[in-house]
Amino acid sequence: MEKWFVSNKRADFNGIAEKFKIDPVTARVIRNRDVIGYEAINEFLNGTVRDFHDPMRMKGMDKAVSILSAKLKEGKKIRIMGDYDIDGIMSSYILKRGFDELGGDADIRIPNRVTDGYGLSERMVREAGEDGVDTIVTCDNGISAGQEIALAKSLGMTVVVTDHHEVFHFPEEADAVVDPKQEGETYPYTELCGAAVAWKLILALGGDADSKLLPFAAFATIGDVVALTGENRILVKEGMRRLHRTDNHGMLALSGLCGIDINSVSVYHVGFVLGPCFNASGRLDTADLGLKLLFAENEEQAGKLAETLTDLNESRKRMTEEGVTEAVRILEEEGRKEEKIYVLFLPEIHESIAGIIAGRIREKYNHPTIVLTRTEKGLKGSGRSTENYNMFEGISAAEGLLTKFGGHPMAAGLSMPEENLEAFRKALNDGCGLEKGDFYEKVRVDMLLPLSHLSSKLTEELRRLEPFGTANPRPLFAAKDVRINYPKLLGTRKNVFKGNVTFDNGKRMDVIAFNNVEELYRKARQGPVMITYYPDFNDFMGRRTVQVVITHFH
């Protein structure tokens, strides 16, 4: 089920259009993204590295810089402790490269997903002590590791936390904490990913992080699915431009193996092709593989590592499909579809793909979903939520049933004794406050826009709003009574819909669709349809034309 909503936010669209020399349609789309005021609009359209905020404005950054500047100068042994996902890998790489440039003595340890779990572990802390480490610097983790930080302090180590996750229990034991989500934060933008926080730290220390390290912060910003608003938009735009010129052997090898020219790597490629390969290393093997790829010293070494990562990602995709099939079977055959919060127990899956399966089920049914599997230490899993349910708060309310948990409103990780499963399922469902209407897919339309208004100029102009993603979705329009001529299904699996529309002046425009195409084909043959769509370019035989991509229809 779907519910279409047309945004009705007000502003002087003609005035904005005139000032910034854009179409009023584009002005309306920008307002729908809650970008308000000429200064914010100018940054949204024209932001560059000059618009980055001073990293020293971050709470705790002065302490972190003071401590680390002294440690680097004194040659103290520093251990970077990251995480096993794309953000943790890129954060660790940024800190290591940055500390190296500043003359530091630093190495990296990434937890093993299965044996250590998320974040700092007692084993890792004790190992650091045995190795003579003076200072631990966390990245993309640490904000909830008070117990482990206290252990490190008792062993005589200094601890600097850099993280971006929600603060549930502030680690008072740490010597310095840099996390834009902490209470009392004064930094103007709080939605940075872990790698961006790490990048800010290197900048604050005086490192030349702009050209060499910014692409990796951008890569993580996309891969960690944080909001592509404000500073993050600039970071991704500028970082991707630099990624196109990278000389990193690992990035070049991986993109080449995936059939992507590094000069044309897009946000889509990072999010759905390259990024998952890095995540697969931490899911099915060890994130050290992803780091080794980034640190590869020659093409041959990078090529072998890239092959390993892509093979792992293929295995991950196969295992995911099997898990999704089983989850669907449970919901459909065991009468669980009517539950509000799906808590699914899949005892045989690899724990690392629980979150991916949860995401796929969430997409299919539009219900918050948690997938758990059996491990040696009890149940462990991940959840993915919908916009009307704060999963972090929901799980927090059932904290007493859990061994460990963490996350944010849209995603979470957790573990619990197996005997608590049913009580946990009941607690989440009884206290969620969701109603039937909350499970309809919400289709948000920027405005009703007849197809006749589309042009190459407007289509190109809308591209200025990229990168699209969380909190900055691709502009979506609706059109009524669209008569599609010559509808047909293409491809060996007949999974692409194509046709065209003709305007009063005789001009024609192609339409294309990739979702629910058989139903669209049937409706289009019967008569006019109402559609939601976005304009895009079709480049064929050297000729560029505007085409309409249909996303939903009635």
Protein backbone atom coordinates (compact mmCIF):
# COMPACT_ATOMS: atom_id res chain seq x y z
CA MET A 1 0.00 0.00 0.00
CA GLU A 2 1.12 3.53 -0.78
CA LYS A 3 0.18 7.00 0.31
CA TRP A 4 1.20 9.90 -1.91
CA PHE A 5 1.91 13.25 -0.31
CA VAL A 6 2.54 16.45 -2.23
CA SER A 7 4.75 18.88 -0.32
CA ASN A 8 3.09 22.21 0.33
CA LYS A 9 5.89 24.24 1.90
CA ARG A 10 5.67 27.94 1.21
CA ALA A 11 8.30 30.43 0.09
CA ASP A 12 8.85 33.15 -2.48
CA PHE A 13 9.80 30.68 -5.20
CA ASN A 14 9.92 33.30 -7.95
CA GLY A 15 12.12 35.55 -5.81
CA ILE A 16 14.50 32.67 -5.03
CA ALA A 17 14.55 31.70 -8.68
CA GLU A 18 15.39 35.22 -9.78
CA LYS A 19 18.16 35.71 -7.21
CA PHE A 20 19.91 32.41 -7.96
CA LYS A 21 19.05 32.26 -11.67
CA ILE A 22 17.21 28.95 -11.35
CA ASP A 23 13.79 27.64 -12.33
CA PRO A 24 11.00 28.16 -9.74
CA VAL A 25 10.60 24.37 -9.82
CA THR A 26 14.15 23.99 -8.55
CA ALA A 27 13.50 26.65 -5.92
CA ARG A 28 10.48 24.68 -4.69
CA VAL A 29 12.50 21.46 -4.48
CA ILE A 30 15.17 23.21 -2.41
CA ARG A 31 12.52 24.56 -0.02
CA ASN A 32 11.10 21.07 0.32
CA ARG A 33 14.52 20.00 1.65
CA ASP A 34 14.10 22.58 4.44
CA VAL A 35 16.88 24.75 3.07
CA ILE A 36 15.74 28.19 4.19
CA GLY A 37 17.34 31.60 3.75
CA TYR A 38 19.60 32.96 1.03
CA GLU A 39 22.80 31.97 2.83
CA ALA A 40 21.69 28.35 3.23
CA ILE A 41 20.42 28.18 -0.35
CA ASN A 42 23.69 29.56 -1.67
CA GLU A 43 25.63 26.93 0.29
CA PHE A 44 23.28 24.22 -0.97
CA LEU A 45 23.82 25.24 -4.60
CA ASN A 46 27.36 26.55 -4.57
CA GLY A 47 29.08 25.22 -1.44
CA THR A 48 32.82 24.49 -1.67
CA VAL A 49 35.64 23.55 0.71
CA ARG A 50 35.67 27.20 1.80
CA ASP A 51 32.32 26.55 3.49
CA PHE A 52 33.60 23.77 5.74
CA HIS A 53 33.27 24.60 9.44
CA ASP A 54 36.36 25.02 11.59
CA PRO A 55 37.01 21.64 13.27
CA MET A 56 38.11 23.42 16.45
CA ARG A 57 34.49 24.40 17.01
CA MET A 58 33.75 20.78 17.93
CA LYS A 59 33.35 20.13 21.62
CA GLY A 60 36.35 18.21 22.92
CA MET A 61 38.49 18.91 19.85
CA ASP A 62 40.79 21.26 21.77
CA LYS A 63 41.53 18.53 24.33
CA ALA A 64 42.04 15.90 21.64
CA VAL A 65 44.41 18.16 19.69
CA SER A 66 46.38 19.10 22.80
CA ILE A 67 46.83 15.47 23.82
CA LEU A 68 47.63 14.10 20.37
CA SER A 69 49.93 16.92 19.35
CA ALA A 70 52.09 16.11 22.37
CA LYS A 71 51.95 12.36 21.76
CA LEU A 72 52.91 12.78 18.10
CA LYS A 73 55.78 15.10 18.98
CA GLU A 74 57.07 12.72 21.66
CA GLY A 75 56.85 9.69 19.35
CA LYS A 76 54.48 7.82 21.65
CA LYS A 77 52.97 4.59 20.36
CA ILE A 78 49.40 5.24 19.20
CA ARG A 79 46.87 2.54 18.38
CA ILE A 80 43.88 3.40 16.20
CA MET A 81 40.86 1.25 17.01
CA GLY A 82 38.18 1.37 14.35
CA ASP A 83 35.14 -0.64 13.33
CA TYR A 84 34.58 -3.39 10.78
CA ASP A 85 32.22 -1.52 8.45
CA ILE A 86 32.93 0.92 5.64
CA ASP A 87 32.91 3.92 7.99
CA GLY A 88 35.27 2.24 10.44
CA ILE A 89 37.64 1.16 7.66
CA MET A 90 37.78 4.63 6.12
CA SER A 91 38.10 6.30 9.56
CA SER A 92 41.05 4.08 10.44
CA TYR A 93 42.71 4.72 7.10
CA ILE A 94 42.30 8.50 7.45
CA LEU A 95 43.78 8.56 10.96
CA LYS A 96 46.71 6.32 10.05
CA ARG A 97 47.60 8.33 6.95
CA GLY A 98 47.15 11.57 8.86
CA PHE A 99 49.28 10.50 11.82
CA ASP A 100 51.96 9.21 9.45
CA GLU A 101 52.06 12.56 7.68
CA LEU A 102 52.45 14.28 11.04
CA GLY A 103 55.38 12.04 11.94
CA GLY A 104 53.51 9.81 14.37
CA ASP A 105 54.00 6.17 15.36
CA ALA A 106 50.55 4.63 14.84
CA ASP A 107 49.05 1.28 13.94
CA ILE A 108 45.49 -0.02 13.53
CA ARG A 109 43.39 -2.71 15.13
CA ILE A 110 39.90 -3.55 13.89
CA PRO A 111 37.67 -5.83 16.00
CA ASN A 112 36.65 -9.19 14.62
CA ARG A 113 32.91 -9.05 14.12
CA VAL A 114 32.30 -12.53 15.54
CA THR A 115 34.86 -12.88 18.33
CA ASP A 116 35.08 -9.26 19.52
CA GLY A 117 31.77 -7.74 18.53
CA TYR A 118 31.26 -4.04 17.90
CA GLY A 119 33.68 -1.43 19.19
CA LEU A 120 36.32 -1.69 21.87
CA SER A 121 36.65 -5.09 23.52
CA GLU A 122 38.47 -6.13 26.66
CA ARG A 123 40.73 -8.39 24.55
CA MET A 124 41.77 -5.51 22.31
CA VAL A 125 42.47 -3.21 25.25
CA ARG A 126 44.57 -5.81 27.06
CA GLU A 127 46.45 -6.57 23.85
CA ALA A 128 47.24 -2.87 23.48
CA GLY A 129 48.61 -2.80 27.01
CA GLU A 130 50.80 -5.84 26.32
CA ASP A 131 52.07 -4.20 23.12
CA GLY A 132 53.24 -1.10 24.95
CA VAL A 133 50.66 1.21 23.43
CA ASP A 134 50.65 4.65 25.04
CA THR A 135 47.47 6.11 23.50
CA ILE A 136 44.31 4.58 22.06
CA VAL A 137 42.36 6.64 19.50
CA THR A 138 38.95 5.25 18.60
CA CYS A 139 37.11 6.06 15.39
CA ASP A 140 33.50 5.30 14.50
CA ASN A 141 33.13 3.76 17.97
CA GLY A 142 33.98 4.31 21.62
CA ILE A 143 31.16 6.57 22.77
CA SER A 144 29.50 3.66 24.63
CA ALA A 145 32.68 1.90 25.75
CA GLY A 146 33.04 3.33 29.25
CA GLN A 147 33.96 -0.01 30.82
CA GLU A 148 36.65 -0.79 28.25
CA ILE A 149 38.03 2.76 28.44
CA ALA A 150 38.24 2.46 32.23
CA LEU A 151 40.26 -0.74 31.75
CA ALA A 152 42.63 1.05 29.38
CA LYS A 153 43.10 3.85 31.90
CA SER A 154 43.84 1.33 34.65
CA LEU A 155 46.56 -0.09 32.42
CA GLY A 156 48.15 3.35 32.11
CA MET A 157 46.96 4.31 28.64
CA THR A 158 45.55 7.59 27.36
CA VAL A 159 42.23 7.31 25.46
CA VAL A 160 40.87 9.73 22.88
CA VAL A 161 37.39 8.90 21.55
CA THR A 162 36.26 10.04 18.10
CA ASP A 163 32.78 8.85 17.16
CA HIS A 164 29.50 10.03 15.66
CA HIS A 165 26.92 7.73 17.23
CA GLU A 166 24.17 8.72 19.64
CA VAL A 167 25.43 9.14 23.20
CA PHE A 168 23.63 6.80 25.57
CA HIS A 169 26.24 6.55 28.35
CA PHE A 170 28.91 9.25 28.05
CA PRO A 171 32.42 7.76 28.61
CA GLU A 172 33.58 9.99 31.45
CA GLU A 173 36.71 7.85 31.72
CA ALA A 174 38.10 9.06 28.36
CA ASP A 175 40.76 11.78 28.25
CA ALA A 176 39.02 13.49 25.34
CA VAL A 177 35.77 12.87 23.48
CA VAL A 178 34.96 14.22 20.01
CA ASP A 179 31.44 13.27 18.97
CA PRO A 180 29.07 15.83 17.41
CA LYS A 181 26.13 14.07 19.09
CA GLN A 182 27.35 14.71 22.63
CA GLU A 183 25.47 17.00 24.99
CA GLY A 184 26.50 20.62 24.81
CA GLU A 185 27.93 20.34 21.28
CA THR A 186 28.51 23.73 19.66
CA TYR A 187 29.57 22.59 16.19
CA PRO A 188 27.11 23.90 13.54
CA TYR A 189 26.53 20.51 11.91
CA THR A 190 26.01 17.27 13.82
CA GLU A 191 25.35 14.65 11.12
CA LEU A 192 28.95 13.79 10.20
CA CYS A 193 29.92 10.13 9.87
CA GLY A 194 32.84 8.65 11.81
CA ALA A 195 35.30 9.10 8.95
CA ALA A 196 34.37 12.77 8.62
CA VAL A 197 35.02 13.28 12.34
CA ALA A 198 38.39 11.55 11.93
CA TRP A 199 39.13 13.78 8.93
CA LYS A 200 38.26 16.85 10.99
CA LEU A 201 40.68 15.69 13.68
CA ILE A 202 43.55 15.44 11.20
CA LEU A 203 42.70 18.91 9.89
CA ALA A 204 42.69 20.28 13.44
CA LEU A 205 46.10 18.72 14.07
CA GLY A 206 47.49 20.59 11.08
CA GLY A 207 47.50 17.77 8.57
CA ASP A 208 47.00 18.41 4.85
CA ALA A 209 43.87 16.26 4.76
CA ASP A 210 42.09 18.14 1.97
CA SER A 211 43.31 16.52 -1.22
CA LYS A 212 44.46 13.04 -0.18
CA LEU A 213 42.04 12.09 2.60
CA LEU A 214 38.82 13.91 1.75
CA PRO A 215 37.78 11.26 -0.84
CA PHE A 216 37.79 8.59 1.86
CA ALA A 217 35.65 10.70 4.19
CA ALA A 218 33.24 11.21 1.28
CA PHE A 219 33.24 7.48 0.50
CA ALA A 220 32.30 6.69 4.10
CA THR A 221 29.66 9.44 4.22
CA ILE A 222 27.88 7.77 1.31
CA GLY A 223 28.45 4.22 2.54
CA ASP A 224 27.31 4.89 6.10
CA VAL A 225 24.03 6.37 4.80
CA VAL A 226 24.14 9.54 6.89
CA ALA A 227 22.17 12.65 5.96
CA LEU A 228 23.35 14.28 2.73
CA THR A 229 22.57 17.76 3.95
CA GLY A 230 24.64 20.77 4.96
CA GLU A 231 28.34 20.08 5.33
CA ASN A 232 27.93 16.46 4.28
CA ARG A 233 26.73 17.52 0.81
CA ILE A 234 29.82 19.66 0.30
CA LEU A 235 32.04 16.93 1.68
CA VAL A 236 30.65 14.38 -0.75
CA LYS A 237 30.69 16.72 -3.77
CA GLU A 238 34.27 17.82 -3.19
CA GLY A 239 35.42 14.38 -2.08
CA MET A 240 34.03 12.66 -5.17
CA ARG A 241 35.82 15.16 -7.44
CA ARG A 242 39.08 14.25 -5.74
CA LEU A 243 38.26 10.52 -5.84
CA HIS A 244 38.12 10.80 -9.63
CA ARG A 245 41.78 11.83 -9.51
CA THR A 246 42.95 9.40 -6.84
CA ASP A 247 46.21 7.49 -7.21
CA ASN A 248 45.25 4.97 -4.50
CA HIS A 249 46.10 1.55 -5.95
CA GLY A 250 43.30 -0.16 -4.04
CA MET A 251 40.54 2.16 -5.18
CA LEU A 252 41.78 1.97 -8.76
CA ALA A 253 41.94 -1.84 -8.70
CA LEU A 254 38.51 -2.29 -7.12
CA SER A 255 36.74 0.14 -9.42
CA GLY A 256 38.43 -1.42 -12.46
CA LEU A 257 37.47 -4.94 -11.41
CA CYS A 258 33.86 -3.77 -10.98
CA GLY A 259 33.91 -2.29 -14.50
CA ILE A 260 33.82 1.34 -13.36
CA ASP A 261 36.11 4.05 -14.68
CA ILE A 262 37.50 5.87 -11.63
CA ASN A 263 36.87 9.16 -13.44
CA SER A 264 33.13 8.49 -13.47
CA VAL A 265 32.57 6.86 -10.07
CA SER A 266 29.22 8.14 -8.77
CA VAL A 267 27.38 8.19 -5.46
CA TYR A 268 25.44 5.17 -6.74
CA HIS A 269 28.65 3.23 -7.42
CA VAL A 270 29.96 3.93 -3.93
CA GLY A 271 26.69 3.02 -2.25
CA PHE A 272 25.78 -0.09 -4.21
CA VAL A 273 28.89 -1.46 -5.94
CA LEU A 274 32.19 -0.46 -4.34
CA GLY A 275 31.07 0.20 -0.77
CA PRO A 276 29.50 -3.25 -0.27
CA CYS A 277 32.84 -4.85 -1.17
CA PHE A 278 34.49 -3.11 1.79
CA ASN A 279 31.60 -4.04 4.05
CA ALA A 280 31.82 -7.66 2.88
CA SER A 281 35.40 -7.88 4.16
CA GLY A 282 34.28 -7.06 7.68
CA ARG A 283 31.18 -9.21 7.44
CA LEU A 284 32.52 -12.52 6.15
CA ASP A 285 36.24 -12.33 6.86
CA THR A 286 38.08 -9.45 8.48
CA ALA A 287 38.01 -5.73 7.79
CA ASP A 288 41.80 -5.90 7.66
CA LEU A 289 41.36 -6.99 4.04
CA GLY A 290 39.66 -3.70 3.21
CA LEU A 291 42.43 -1.77 4.94
CA LYS A 292 45.14 -3.77 3.17
CA LEU A 293 43.50 -2.87 -0.13
CA LEU A 294 43.67 0.84 0.69
CA PHE A 295 47.29 0.53 1.79
CA ALA A 296 48.33 -1.62 -1.21
CA GLU A 297 51.69 -0.44 -2.54
CA ASN A 298 51.41 -1.63 -6.14
CA GLU A 299 48.92 -2.68 -8.80
CA GLU A 300 49.59 -6.41 -8.47
CA GLN A 301 48.98 -6.47 -4.72
CA ALA A 302 45.89 -4.29 -5.08
CA GLY A 303 44.51 -6.49 -7.86
CA LYS A 304 44.70 -9.67 -5.76
CA LEU A 305 43.07 -8.01 -2.77
CA ALA A 306 40.34 -6.50 -4.94
CA GLU A 307 39.53 -9.98 -6.32
CA THR A 308 39.23 -11.33 -2.78
CA LEU A 309 36.86 -8.54 -1.77
CA THR A 310 34.63 -8.92 -4.81
CA ASP A 311 34.47 -12.71 -4.27
CA LEU A 312 33.44 -12.13 -0.66
CA ASN A 313 30.78 -9.70 -1.77
CA GLU A 314 29.34 -12.27 -4.19
CA SER A 315 29.15 -14.78 -1.32
CA ARG A 316 27.48 -12.16 0.83
CA LYS A 317 24.83 -11.51 -1.83
CA ARG A 318 24.05 -15.23 -2.18
CA MET A 319 23.76 -15.71 1.59
CA THR A 320 21.58 -12.63 1.85
CA GLU A 321 19.13 -13.92 -0.77
CA GLU A 322 18.78 -17.20 1.13
CA GLY A 323 18.16 -15.34 4.39
CA VAL A 324 15.57 -13.01 2.84
CA THR A 325 13.72 -15.99 1.37
CA GLU A 326 13.52 -17.62 4.80
CA ALA A 327 12.41 -14.40 6.50
CA VAL A 328 9.62 -13.94 3.95
CA ARG A 329 8.54 -17.55 4.48
CA ILE A 330 8.27 -16.99 8.25
CA LEU A 331 6.17 -13.86 7.80
CA GLU A 332 3.90 -15.27 5.09
CA GLU A 333 3.46 -18.85 6.32
CA GLU A 334 3.56 -18.42 10.09
CA GLY A 335 1.07 -15.56 10.27
CA ARG A 336 3.55 -12.96 11.50
CA LYS A 337 2.83 -10.23 8.94
CA GLU A 338 0.33 -8.45 11.19
CA GLU A 339 2.90 -7.77 13.93
CA LYS A 340 3.96 -4.14 14.11
CA ILE A 341 7.66 -4.63 14.78
CA TYR A 342 9.10 -7.67 13.02
CA VAL A 343 11.52 -9.55 15.28
CA LEU A 344 12.73 -12.49 13.21
CA PHE A 345 14.92 -15.33 14.46
CA LEU A 346 17.02 -16.91 11.71
CA PRO A 347 19.35 -19.26 13.63
CA GLU A 348 21.39 -20.45 10.64
CA ILE A 349 22.43 -17.17 9.00
CA HIS A 350 25.84 -15.57 9.36
CA GLU A 351 25.46 -12.84 11.98
CA SER A 352 27.12 -10.28 9.72
CA ILE A 353 24.25 -10.21 7.22
CA ALA A 354 21.43 -9.82 9.76
CA GLY A 355 21.27 -6.07 9.15
CA ILE A 356 21.16 -6.45 5.38
CA ILE A 357 18.31 -8.96 5.61
CA ALA A 358 16.48 -6.67 8.06
CA GLY A 359 16.82 -3.84 5.55
CA ARG A 360 15.45 -5.92 2.71
CA ILE A 361 12.43 -7.03 4.77
CA ARG A 362 11.84 -3.43 5.90
CA GLU A 363 11.83 -2.35 2.26
CA LYS A 364 9.41 -5.10 1.23
CA TYR A 365 6.84 -4.69 4.02
CA ASN A 366 7.57 -1.18 5.38
CA HIS A 367 7.70 -2.48 8.97
CA PRO A 368 10.58 -1.87 11.40
CA THR A 369 12.51 -5.14 11.33
CA ILE A 370 15.06 -6.80 13.60
CA VAL A 371 16.81 -9.99 12.50
CA LEU A 372 18.54 -12.15 15.10
CA THR A 373 20.70 -15.24 14.77
CA ARG A 374 22.25 -17.74 17.17
CA THR A 375 25.88 -17.32 18.26
CA GLU A 376 28.04 -18.95 20.92
CA LYS A 377 27.22 -16.06 23.27
CA GLY A 378 23.46 -15.97 22.70
CA LEU A 379 21.41 -14.15 20.11
CA LYS A 380 22.91 -11.35 18.09
CA GLY A 381 21.39 -9.21 15.38
CA SER A 382 20.62 -5.91 13.72
CA GLY A 383 17.57 -3.82 13.00
CA ARG A 384 16.44 -1.37 10.34
CA SER A 385 13.60 1.04 10.97
CA THR A 386 11.05 3.21 9.19
CA GLU A 387 10.89 6.98 9.53
CA ASN A 388 7.98 6.90 11.97
CA TYR A 389 9.66 4.62 14.53
CA ASN A 390 12.78 5.51 16.53
CA MET A 391 14.42 2.11 16.81
CA PHE A 392 17.13 3.27 19.21
CA GLU A 393 14.53 4.58 21.68
CA GLY A 394 12.36 1.49 21.24
CA ILE A 395 15.22 -0.88 21.99
CA SER A 396 16.42 1.33 24.86
CA ALA A 397 13.07 0.79 26.58
CA ALA A 398 13.79 -2.95 26.59
CA GLU A 399 17.41 -2.55 27.73
CA GLY A 400 16.91 -4.89 30.67
CA LEU A 401 16.42 -7.84 28.32
CA LEU A 402 19.61 -7.15 26.37
CA THR A 403 23.27 -7.94 26.84
CA LYS A 404 24.45 -5.09 24.62
CA PHE A 405 22.99 -2.67 22.12
CA GLY A 406 23.71 0.55 20.24
CA GLY A 407 22.65 2.50 17.20
CA HIS A 408 20.48 5.40 16.11
CA PRO A 409 16.81 6.03 15.15
CA MET A 410 16.99 4.18 11.83
CA ALA A 411 19.30 1.24 12.70
CA ALA A 412 20.59 -0.66 15.69
CA GLY A 413 22.66 -3.64 16.74
CA LEU A 414 21.91 -5.79 19.76
CA SER A 415 22.55 -9.05 21.60
CA MET A 416 20.55 -10.94 24.22
CA PRO A 417 20.14 -14.34 25.90
CA GLU A 418 18.02 -16.62 23.72
CA GLU A 419 15.48 -17.10 26.48
CA ASN A 420 14.63 -13.38 26.32
CA LEU A 421 13.56 -13.46 22.66
CA GLU A 422 9.79 -13.68 23.13
CA ALA A 423 9.77 -11.14 25.96
CA PHE A 424 11.77 -8.77 23.77
CA ARG A 425 9.39 -9.23 20.82
CA LYS A 426 6.40 -8.54 23.06
CA ALA A 427 8.01 -5.49 24.70
CA LEU A 428 8.79 -3.86 21.36
CA ASN A 429 5.36 -4.52 19.87
CA ASP A 430 3.40 -3.51 22.96
CA GLY A 431 5.24 -0.22 23.37
CA CYS A 432 5.80 0.90 19.78
CA GLY A 433 2.70 3.10 19.40
CA LEU A 434 2.41 2.36 15.69
CA GLU A 435 -0.93 2.17 13.89
CA LYS A 436 -1.99 0.44 10.66
CA GLY A 437 -1.55 3.60 8.60
CA ASP A 438 2.09 3.85 9.67
CA PHE A 439 2.98 0.85 7.52
CA TYR A 440 1.92 2.34 4.20
CA GLU A 441 4.79 3.35 1.99
CA LYS A 442 4.95 7.13 2.00
CA VAL A 443 5.65 8.57 -1.43
CA ARG A 444 6.62 12.22 -1.05
CA VAL A 445 6.15 14.29 -4.18
CA ASP A 446 7.78 17.69 -4.57
CA MET A 447 4.99 19.07 -6.76
CA LEU A 448 2.52 18.33 -9.50
CA LEU A 449 4.44 19.05 -12.69
CA PRO A 450 3.08 18.35 -16.18
CA LEU A 451 5.55 16.50 -18.38
CA SER A 452 5.32 19.33 -20.90
CA HIS A 453 7.24 21.57 -18.46
CA LEU A 454 10.33 19.37 -18.63
CA SER A 455 13.35 20.52 -20.58
CA SER A 456 17.05 19.77 -20.86
CA LYS A 457 17.79 22.97 -18.96
CA LEU A 458 15.58 22.03 -15.99
CA THR A 459 16.85 18.43 -15.96
CA GLU A 460 20.45 19.63 -15.90
CA GLU A 461 19.65 22.22 -13.26
CA LEU A 462 18.12 19.60 -10.95
CA ARG A 463 21.45 17.78 -11.07
CA ARG A 464 22.92 20.70 -9.14
CA LEU A 465 21.00 19.36 -6.14
CA GLU A 466 23.11 16.19 -6.08
CA PRO A 467 24.32 14.22 -4.23
CA PHE A 468 20.98 12.58 -3.52
CA GLY A 469 20.47 10.33 -0.53
CA THR A 470 19.24 10.39 3.04
CA ALA A 471 17.49 13.71 3.84
CA ASN A 472 18.14 14.93 0.28
CA PRO A 473 16.13 12.56 -1.94
CA ARG A 474 16.06 12.81 -5.70
CA PRO A 475 13.39 15.35 -6.78
CA LEU A 476 10.11 13.55 -7.43
CA PHE A 477 7.16 14.95 -9.34
CA ALA A 478 3.64 13.81 -10.16
CA ALA A 479 1.61 14.15 -13.34
CA LYS A 480 -2.07 13.39 -13.94
CA ASP A 481 -3.77 11.79 -16.93
CA VAL A 482 -0.60 10.68 -18.67
CA ARG A 483 -1.36 8.75 -21.86
CA ILE A 484 1.58 6.51 -22.70
CA ASN A 485 1.89 5.56 -26.34
CA TYR A 486 3.27 2.26 -27.61
CA PRO A 487 3.83 0.66 -24.19
CA LYS A 488 6.09 -2.40 -24.24
CA LEU A 489 8.20 -4.61 -21.98
CA LEU A 490 11.89 -4.99 -22.78
CA GLY A 491 14.75 -7.22 -21.69
CA THR A 492 15.16 -10.97 -21.59
CA ARG A 493 13.11 -11.05 -18.39
CA LYS A 494 10.66 -8.39 -19.59
CA ASN A 495 11.55 -6.30 -16.55
CA VAL A 496 11.81 -2.89 -18.20
CA PHE A 497 8.80 -0.82 -19.27
CA LYS A 498 9.11 1.68 -22.10
CA GLY A 499 6.81 3.96 -24.06
CA ASN A 500 6.47 7.62 -24.97
CA VAL A 501 4.20 10.60 -24.54
CA THR A 502 3.25 13.14 -27.21
CA PHE A 503 2.53 16.80 -26.50
CA ASP A 504 0.19 19.19 -28.30
CA ASN A 505 3.06 20.69 -30.28
CA GLY A 506 3.99 17.24 -31.60
CA LYS A 507 7.05 16.88 -29.39
CA ARG A 508 7.64 13.38 -27.99
CA MET A 509 9.36 12.20 -24.83
CA ASP A 510 10.32 8.66 -23.81
CA VAL A 511 9.13 7.17 -20.53
CA ILE A 512 10.76 4.24 -18.77
CA ALA A 513 10.13 2.25 -15.57
CA PHE A 514 11.79 -0.59 -13.68
CA ASN A 515 9.31 -1.38 -10.90
CA ASN A 516 6.03 -3.28 -11.10
CA VAL A 517 6.32 -3.10 -14.87
CA GLU A 518 3.71 -5.72 -15.79
CA GLU A 519 1.00 -3.83 -13.90
CA LEU A 520 2.11 -0.54 -15.45
CA TYR A 521 1.99 -2.15 -18.91
CA ARG A 522 -1.57 -3.33 -18.26
CA LYS A 523 -2.75 0.05 -17.00
CA ALA A 524 -1.04 1.99 -19.79
CA ARG A 525 -2.83 -0.14 -22.41
CA GLN A 526 -6.17 0.63 -20.75
CA GLY A 527 -5.83 4.41 -20.69
CA PRO A 528 -4.24 7.42 -18.96
CA VAL A 529 -2.40 6.89 -15.66
CA MET A 530 -1.28 9.14 -12.84
CA ILE A 531 2.45 8.82 -12.22
CA THR A 532 5.25 9.93 -9.96
CA TYR A 533 8.48 10.43 -11.82
CA TYR A 534 11.83 12.14 -12.13
CA PRO A 535 13.46 13.48 -15.31
CA ASP A 536 16.76 12.08 -16.50
CA PHE A 537 18.91 12.07 -19.61
CA ASN A 538 19.15 9.31 -22.16
CA ASP A 539 22.42 9.43 -24.09
CA PHE A 540 22.15 7.31 -27.21
CA MET A 541 24.33 7.39 -30.32
CA GLY A 542 25.78 10.73 -29.27
CA ARG A 543 22.34 12.32 -28.89
CA ARG A 544 21.07 13.46 -25.48
CA THR A 545 17.33 13.58 -24.80
CA VAL A 546 15.21 13.97 -21.69
CA GLN A 547 13.33 10.89 -20.56
CA VAL A 548 10.82 10.35 -17.77
CA VAL A 549 11.58 7.66 -15.19
CA ILE A 550 8.32 6.44 -13.59
CA THR A 551 8.61 5.34 -9.96
CA HIS A 552 4.96 4.85 -8.91
CA PHE A 553 1.59 4.97 -10.64
CA HIS A 554 -2.16 4.72 -10.11
